[in-house]
Amino acid sequence: MWAPPPAAAARTFTGRRNTGGRLLLALALAVAGTAATVPLFTGHLPWGPEPLAALAPLGAMLGWGLSVLSFRNWARPLRLRIGPDGLAVQNTGVPEVAIGWDQVVAVAVARNPGATEKHLWLLLWPVPGHSFDLPHEFADGHPTYPLVELRRLRDSDEVERTARYFAGSRYAETA
């Protein structure tokens, strides 16, 4: 049973992905690929010159590239905060964007107007004249900001209730 949070408490939702585990797997691939590449270039192969040994540099490059991306996602994970002051969204790898309720005309949980899939998003319509440093779509000539896809968040079924509670009259019912 859902109970409204205390008036002063904001609710934070985090991403579902285990970014720490992905980082460790990417680092393991990077180290293994590098360890297999060094003997290939120094000429001290413990095995014969096999064609599969040529894939070691590819594994090293892929592992280090994925490690950088995984570290970025681990350092700044997906996060959504909804509270009495407004919304704050930190998408993977980018700084947090805070949006006050005075900058919002409406907020809703609905399908993304610019997407073909049927997954639910937290959508925001800004006050005319305001814009945010976030990707947006145009629905009926008005900018619509799809903040976060709900299936990417833990406790995603609570996002709508929390947004409805804190947004008050700004929460738009969807058809």
Protein backbone atom coordinates (compact mmCIF):
# COMPACT_ATOMS: atom_id res chain seq x y z
CA MET A 1 0.00 0.00 0.00
CA TRP A 2 1.40 3.36 -0.98
CA ALA A 3 1.42 6.18 1.51
CA PRO A 4 2.27 9.76 0.56
CA PRO A 5 5.72 10.82 1.66
CA PRO A 6 6.14 13.49 4.33
CA ALA A 7 5.65 17.01 2.98
CA ALA A 8 9.34 17.93 3.12
CA ALA A 9 10.79 14.63 1.86
CA ALA A 10 11.73 14.18 -1.77
CA ARG A 11 11.65 10.73 -3.34
CA THR A 12 14.64 9.52 -5.36
CA PHE A 13 14.41 6.77 -7.97
CA THR A 14 17.58 5.13 -9.29
CA GLY A 15 18.37 3.07 -12.37
CA ARG A 16 17.92 -0.68 -12.54
CA ARG A 17 21.23 -1.45 -14.20
CA ASN A 18 24.04 -2.90 -12.15
CA THR A 19 26.66 -0.48 -13.43
CA GLY A 20 29.32 -1.70 -10.99
CA GLY A 21 29.06 -5.25 -12.28
CA ARG A 22 29.29 -4.08 -15.88
CA LEU A 23 32.37 -2.03 -15.03
CA LEU A 24 34.09 -5.06 -13.48
CA LEU A 25 33.28 -7.25 -16.50
CA ALA A 26 34.59 -4.62 -18.91
CA LEU A 27 37.80 -4.24 -16.89
CA ALA A 28 38.26 -8.03 -16.86
CA LEU A 29 37.92 -8.12 -20.66
CA ALA A 30 40.37 -5.22 -20.98
CA VAL A 31 42.99 -6.85 -18.77
CA ALA A 32 42.62 -10.26 -20.43
CA GLY A 33 42.84 -8.74 -23.90
CA THR A 34 45.88 -6.68 -22.94
CA ALA A 35 47.59 -9.68 -21.32
CA ALA A 36 47.04 -11.71 -24.49
CA THR A 37 48.20 -8.84 -26.74
CA VAL A 38 51.56 -8.12 -25.09
CA PRO A 39 53.13 -11.52 -25.99
CA LEU A 40 51.79 -11.14 -29.53
CA PHE A 41 53.77 -7.94 -30.09
CA THR A 42 56.90 -8.94 -28.15
CA GLY A 43 57.25 -12.24 -30.02
CA HIS A 44 57.24 -14.38 -26.87
CA LEU A 45 54.15 -16.42 -27.66
CA PRO A 46 53.64 -19.36 -25.30
CA TRP A 47 51.58 -20.92 -28.07
CA GLY A 48 52.04 -21.10 -31.81
CA PRO A 49 51.06 -18.27 -34.15
CA GLU A 50 47.37 -19.06 -34.26
CA PRO A 51 44.90 -16.97 -36.24
CA LEU A 52 42.77 -16.43 -33.11
CA ALA A 53 45.70 -14.66 -31.42
CA ALA A 54 45.07 -11.75 -33.77
CA LEU A 55 41.77 -11.14 -31.95
CA ALA A 56 43.56 -10.27 -28.70
CA PRO A 57 44.16 -6.60 -29.65
CA LEU A 58 40.51 -6.29 -30.64
CA GLY A 59 39.46 -7.68 -27.23
CA ALA A 60 41.80 -5.23 -25.48
CA MET A 61 40.48 -2.22 -27.41
CA LEU A 62 36.87 -3.29 -26.90
CA GLY A 63 37.47 -3.94 -23.20
CA TRP A 64 39.13 -0.57 -22.54
CA GLY A 65 36.46 1.28 -24.53
CA LEU A 66 33.67 -0.45 -22.62
CA SER A 67 35.52 0.25 -19.36
CA VAL A 68 35.50 3.97 -20.05
CA LEU A 69 31.78 3.95 -20.88
CA SER A 70 30.96 1.74 -17.90
CA PHE A 71 32.95 3.98 -15.55
CA ARG A 72 31.06 7.03 -16.81
CA ASN A 73 27.73 5.26 -16.20
CA TRP A 74 28.90 4.10 -12.76
CA ALA A 75 30.09 7.58 -11.76
CA ARG A 76 26.84 9.29 -12.83
CA PRO A 77 24.01 6.75 -12.74
CA LEU A 78 20.44 7.32 -13.86
CA ARG A 79 18.54 9.13 -11.12
CA LEU A 80 15.17 10.89 -10.81
CA ARG A 81 14.25 12.98 -7.78
CA ILE A 82 10.71 14.28 -7.26
CA GLY A 83 10.02 16.57 -4.34
CA PRO A 84 8.24 19.68 -3.13
CA ASP A 85 10.69 21.95 -4.98
CA GLY A 86 10.36 20.17 -8.34
CA LEU A 87 12.08 17.49 -10.36
CA ALA A 88 15.73 16.65 -10.86
CA VAL A 89 16.93 14.26 -13.56
CA GLN A 90 20.41 12.87 -13.97
CA ASN A 91 20.61 10.72 -17.03
CA THR A 92 23.49 8.33 -17.49
CA GLY A 93 26.74 10.19 -17.99
CA VAL A 94 25.39 13.75 -18.00
CA PRO A 95 25.03 16.31 -15.19
CA GLU A 96 21.84 16.62 -13.19
CA VAL A 97 19.16 19.01 -14.45
CA ALA A 98 16.92 20.51 -11.76
CA ILE A 99 13.48 21.81 -12.75
CA GLY A 100 11.35 23.80 -10.32
CA TRP A 101 7.57 23.42 -10.22
CA ASP A 102 7.27 27.08 -11.23
CA GLN A 103 8.86 26.17 -14.59
CA VAL A 104 6.35 23.37 -15.28
CA VAL A 105 2.91 23.65 -16.85
CA ALA A 106 2.17 19.95 -16.69
CA VAL A 107 3.77 16.62 -15.90
CA ALA A 108 2.38 13.18 -16.75
CA VAL A 109 3.23 9.52 -17.03
CA ALA A 110 2.41 8.49 -20.60
CA ARG A 111 3.87 7.16 -23.84
CA ASN A 112 6.63 9.20 -25.43
CA PRO A 113 5.01 11.13 -28.32
CA GLY A 114 8.13 10.74 -30.48
CA ALA A 115 8.62 7.00 -30.00
CA THR A 116 7.01 3.95 -31.50
CA GLU A 117 7.30 1.71 -28.44
CA LYS A 118 4.55 1.62 -25.86
CA HIS A 119 6.65 2.00 -22.72
CA LEU A 120 5.72 4.69 -20.22
CA TRP A 121 7.81 7.83 -19.69
CA LEU A 122 7.69 10.71 -17.26
CA LEU A 123 6.81 13.64 -19.55
CA LEU A 124 7.12 17.33 -18.78
CA TRP A 125 5.67 20.40 -20.49
CA PRO A 126 7.51 23.63 -19.58
CA VAL A 127 6.07 27.08 -18.99
CA PRO A 128 6.21 29.04 -22.28
CA GLY A 129 9.58 30.71 -22.59
CA HIS A 130 11.44 28.10 -20.55
CA SER A 131 13.66 25.49 -22.10
CA PHE A 132 15.91 22.88 -20.57
CA ASP A 133 19.15 21.32 -21.70
CA LEU A 134 17.41 18.03 -22.40
CA PRO A 135 16.24 16.27 -25.55
CA HIS A 136 12.64 17.09 -26.39
CA GLU A 137 9.86 16.33 -28.86
CA PHE A 138 7.07 18.50 -30.19
CA ALA A 139 3.52 17.33 -29.54
CA ASP A 140 0.76 19.53 -30.94
CA GLY A 141 3.28 22.34 -31.43
CA HIS A 142 4.38 22.36 -27.78
CA PRO A 143 7.77 21.16 -26.53
CA THR A 144 7.47 17.93 -24.57
CA TYR A 145 10.40 16.68 -22.52
CA PRO A 146 10.51 12.90 -22.03
CA LEU A 147 12.53 12.86 -18.80
CA VAL A 148 13.02 9.16 -18.14
CA GLU A 149 11.63 5.84 -19.33
CA LEU A 150 9.98 4.29 -16.27
CA ARG A 151 11.08 0.72 -16.96
CA ARG A 152 14.68 1.85 -16.48
CA LEU A 153 14.01 2.81 -12.82
CA ARG A 154 13.71 0.76 -9.65
CA ASP A 155 10.25 1.12 -8.06
CA SER A 156 8.94 2.54 -11.33
CA ASP A 157 5.33 1.85 -10.30
CA GLU A 158 5.73 4.51 -7.58
CA VAL A 159 6.84 7.29 -9.94
CA GLU A 160 3.32 8.16 -11.07
CA ARG A 161 1.98 8.34 -7.51
CA THR A 162 4.90 10.45 -6.34
CA ALA A 163 4.65 12.80 -9.32
CA ARG A 164 0.89 13.13 -8.81
CA TYR A 165 1.39 13.92 -5.11
CA PHE A 166 4.09 16.58 -5.53
CA ALA A 167 2.87 18.11 -8.82
CA GLY A 168 -0.66 18.59 -7.52
CA SER A 169 -2.76 20.40 -10.11
CA ARG A 170 0.14 20.30 -12.59
CA TYR A 171 -0.27 16.54 -12.99
CA ALA A 172 -2.04 15.80 -16.28
CA GLU A 173 -4.23 12.73 -16.52
CA THR A 174 -3.59 10.66 -19.63
CA ALA A 175 -6.28 9.12 -21.75
